[in-house]
Amino acid sequence: MVEMCDLLLAHAADPAALEQDPVVQGAAQRWIEVLGEAATHVSDELKEASPDVPWREIIGIRVILAHAYFHIDRDIVGGIVTQELPRLRSRLAELIEQLSR
């Protein structure tokens, strides 16, 4: 999940590129899907221990992106990348640090 956050932040955080470049759009959507799929494999115990992570929403956006095809709002994808991912990336790093102790 951290890897997907890093890819999104490095390659899809520019709103202009996300708006204009269909390759960036497709990559961002795919990486968010992978992020959501990875979240489905997080243990229930870890999810319960970290209620500040929006697990359900992460998984839900994967379902939407995987099945909406032509009805994907680029503004929503852009908002996820620019507003949600930095916090998520930081929180996931904290969880990894806690688990490694």
C-alpha atoms as a PDB file:
ATOM      1  CA  MET A   1       0.000   0.000   0.000  1.00  0.00           C
ATOM      2  CA  VAL A   2       2.862   2.345   0.777  1.00  0.00           C
ATOM      3  CA  GLU A   3       4.380   1.574  -2.613  1.00  0.00           C
ATOM      4  CA  MET A   4       1.136   2.544  -4.363  1.00  0.00           C
ATOM      5  CA  CYS A   5       0.959   5.760  -2.340  1.00  0.00           C
ATOM      6  CA  ASP A   6       4.526   6.560  -3.345  1.00  0.00           C
ATOM      7  CA  LEU A   7       3.816   5.919  -7.027  1.00  0.00           C
ATOM      8  CA  LEU A   8       0.703   8.077  -6.941  1.00  0.00           C
ATOM      9  CA  LEU A   9       2.404  10.914  -5.110  1.00  0.00           C
ATOM     10  CA  ALA A  10       5.432  10.821  -7.409  1.00  0.00           C
ATOM     11  CA  HIS A  11       3.629  10.491 -10.742  1.00  0.00           C
ATOM     12  CA  ALA A  12       0.031  11.663 -10.381  1.00  0.00           C
ATOM     13  CA  ALA A  13       0.071  14.512  -7.879  1.00  0.00           C
ATOM     14  CA  ASP A  14       0.292  17.218 -10.555  1.00  0.00           C
ATOM     15  CA  PRO A  15      -3.317  18.314 -11.149  1.00  0.00           C
ATOM     16  CA  ALA A  16      -2.552  19.513 -14.691  1.00  0.00           C
ATOM     17  CA  ALA A  17      -1.010  16.191 -15.696  1.00  0.00           C
ATOM     18  CA  LEU A  18      -3.864  14.304 -14.099  1.00  0.00           C
ATOM     19  CA  GLU A  19      -6.366  16.454 -15.957  1.00  0.00           C
ATOM     20  CA  GLN A  20      -4.716  16.345 -19.374  1.00  0.00           C
ATOM     21  CA  ASP A  21      -2.723  13.129 -19.670  1.00  0.00           C
ATOM     22  CA  PRO A  22      -4.777   9.955 -20.168  1.00  0.00           C
ATOM     23  CA  VAL A  23      -1.748   7.826 -19.295  1.00  0.00           C
ATOM     24  CA  VAL A  24      -1.401   9.552 -15.924  1.00  0.00           C
ATOM     25  CA  GLN A  25      -5.165   9.211 -15.409  1.00  0.00           C
ATOM     26  CA  GLY A  26      -5.084   5.503 -16.182  1.00  0.00           C
ATOM     27  CA  ALA A  27      -2.043   4.892 -14.014  1.00  0.00           C
ATOM     28  CA  ALA A  28      -3.571   6.796 -11.093  1.00  0.00           C
ATOM     29  CA  GLN A  29      -6.805   4.854 -11.336  1.00  0.00           C
ATOM     30  CA  ARG A  30      -4.973   1.545 -11.521  1.00  0.00           C
ATOM     31  CA  TRP A  31      -2.706   2.334  -8.592  1.00  0.00           C
ATOM     32  CA  ILE A  32      -5.708   3.353  -6.491  1.00  0.00           C
ATOM     33  CA  GLU A  33      -7.351   0.052  -7.434  1.00  0.00           C
ATOM     34  CA  VAL A  34      -4.236  -1.859  -6.338  1.00  0.00           C
ATOM     35  CA  LEU A  35      -4.170   0.146  -3.113  1.00  0.00           C
ATOM     36  CA  GLY A  36      -7.779  -0.836  -2.458  1.00  0.00           C
ATOM     37  CA  GLU A  37      -7.141  -4.468  -3.272  1.00  0.00           C
ATOM     38  CA  ALA A  38      -4.196  -4.520  -0.876  1.00  0.00           C
ATOM     39  CA  ALA A  39      -6.444  -3.082   1.833  1.00  0.00           C
ATOM     40  CA  THR A  40      -8.756  -6.091   1.474  1.00  0.00           C
ATOM     41  CA  HIS A  41      -5.850  -8.278   2.576  1.00  0.00           C
ATOM     42  CA  VAL A  42      -5.116  -6.347   5.764  1.00  0.00           C
ATOM     43  CA  SER A  43      -6.083  -8.380   8.794  1.00  0.00           C
ATOM     44  CA  ASP A  44      -9.241  -7.518  10.669  1.00  0.00           C
ATOM     45  CA  GLU A  45      -7.137  -7.115  13.803  1.00  0.00           C
ATOM     46  CA  LEU A  46      -4.993  -4.419  12.207  1.00  0.00           C
ATOM     47  CA  LYS A  47      -8.036  -2.679  10.778  1.00  0.00           C
ATOM     48  CA  GLU A  48      -9.665  -2.640  14.214  1.00  0.00           C
ATOM     49  CA  ALA A  49      -6.442  -1.394  15.810  1.00  0.00           C
ATOM     50  CA  SER A  50      -6.250   1.511  13.357  1.00  0.00           C
ATOM     51  CA  PRO A  51      -9.760   2.938  13.035  1.00  0.00           C
ATOM     52  CA  ASP A  52      -8.320   6.275  11.877  1.00  0.00           C
ATOM     53  CA  VAL A  53      -7.437   4.658   8.541  1.00  0.00           C
ATOM     54  CA  PRO A  54     -10.492   4.731   6.248  1.00  0.00           C
ATOM     55  CA  TRP A  55     -10.223   1.042   5.308  1.00  0.00           C
ATOM     56  CA  ARG A  56     -13.791   0.719   4.095  1.00  0.00           C
ATOM     57  CA  GLU A  57     -13.489   3.787   1.857  1.00  0.00           C
ATOM     58  CA  ILE A  58     -10.171   2.612   0.426  1.00  0.00           C
ATOM     59  CA  ILE A  59     -11.705  -0.727  -0.471  1.00  0.00           C
ATOM     60  CA  GLY A  60     -14.883   0.927  -1.745  1.00  0.00           C
ATOM     61  CA  ILE A  61     -13.101   3.254  -4.152  1.00  0.00           C
ATOM     62  CA  ARG A  62     -11.354   0.227  -5.638  1.00  0.00           C
ATOM     63  CA  VAL A  63     -14.713  -1.333  -6.414  1.00  0.00           C
ATOM     64  CA  ILE A  64     -15.963   1.883  -7.986  1.00  0.00           C
ATOM     65  CA  LEU A  65     -12.856   2.349 -10.133  1.00  0.00           C
ATOM     66  CA  ALA A  66     -12.805  -1.290 -11.178  1.00  0.00           C
ATOM     67  CA  HIS A  67     -16.406  -1.254 -12.362  1.00  0.00           C
ATOM     68  CA  ALA A  68     -17.355   2.318 -13.283  1.00  0.00           C
ATOM     69  CA  TYR A  69     -15.184   2.408 -16.429  1.00  0.00           C
ATOM     70  CA  PHE A  70     -16.540   5.481 -18.248  1.00  0.00           C
ATOM     71  CA  HIS A  71     -18.063   7.217 -15.238  1.00  0.00           C
ATOM     72  CA  ILE A  72     -14.915   8.071 -13.299  1.00  0.00           C
ATOM     73  CA  ASP A  73     -14.663  11.670 -12.131  1.00  0.00           C
ATOM     74  CA  ARG A  74     -11.100  12.941 -12.549  1.00  0.00           C
ATOM     75  CA  ASP A  75     -11.680  15.523  -9.814  1.00  0.00           C
ATOM     76  CA  ILE A  76     -12.395  12.748  -7.330  1.00  0.00           C
ATOM     77  CA  VAL A  77      -9.263  10.863  -8.366  1.00  0.00           C
ATOM     78  CA  GLY A  78      -7.280  14.101  -8.118  1.00  0.00           C
ATOM     79  CA  GLY A  79      -8.685  14.815  -4.676  1.00  0.00           C
ATOM     80  CA  ILE A  80      -7.733  11.368  -3.484  1.00  0.00           C
ATOM     81  CA  VAL A  81      -4.172  11.811  -4.720  1.00  0.00           C
ATOM     82  CA  THR A  82      -3.609  15.347  -3.472  1.00  0.00           C
ATOM     83  CA  GLN A  83      -5.702  15.428  -0.297  1.00  0.00           C
ATOM     84  CA  GLU A  84      -6.078  11.897   1.031  1.00  0.00           C
ATOM     85  CA  LEU A  85      -2.909  10.058   0.041  1.00  0.00           C
ATOM     86  CA  PRO A  86      -0.350  12.157   1.922  1.00  0.00           C
ATOM     87  CA  ARG A  87      -2.195  11.464   5.207  1.00  0.00           C
ATOM     88  CA  LEU A  88      -2.724   7.815   4.331  1.00  0.00           C
ATOM     89  CA  ARG A  89       0.940   7.374   3.382  1.00  0.00           C
ATOM     90  CA  SER A  90       2.025   8.911   6.668  1.00  0.00           C
ATOM     91  CA  ARG A  91      -0.351   6.770   8.723  1.00  0.00           C
ATOM     92  CA  LEU A  92       0.664   3.577   6.934  1.00  0.00           C
ATOM     93  CA  ALA A  93       4.322   4.372   7.637  1.00  0.00           C
ATOM     94  CA  GLU A  94       3.443   4.790  11.318  1.00  0.00           C
ATOM     95  CA  LEU A  95       1.650   1.435  11.345  1.00  0.00           C
ATOM     96  CA  ILE A  96       4.622  -0.287   9.726  1.00  0.00           C
ATOM     97  CA  GLU A  97       6.937   1.276  12.309  1.00  0.00           C
ATOM     98  CA  GLN A  98       4.677   0.141  15.150  1.00  0.00           C
ATOM     99  CA  LEU A  99       4.460  -3.390  13.769  1.00  0.00           C
ATOM    100  CA  SER A 100       8.216  -3.667  13.318  1.00  0.00           C
ATOM    101  CA  ARG A 101       8.842  -2.971  17.038  1.00  0.00           C
END
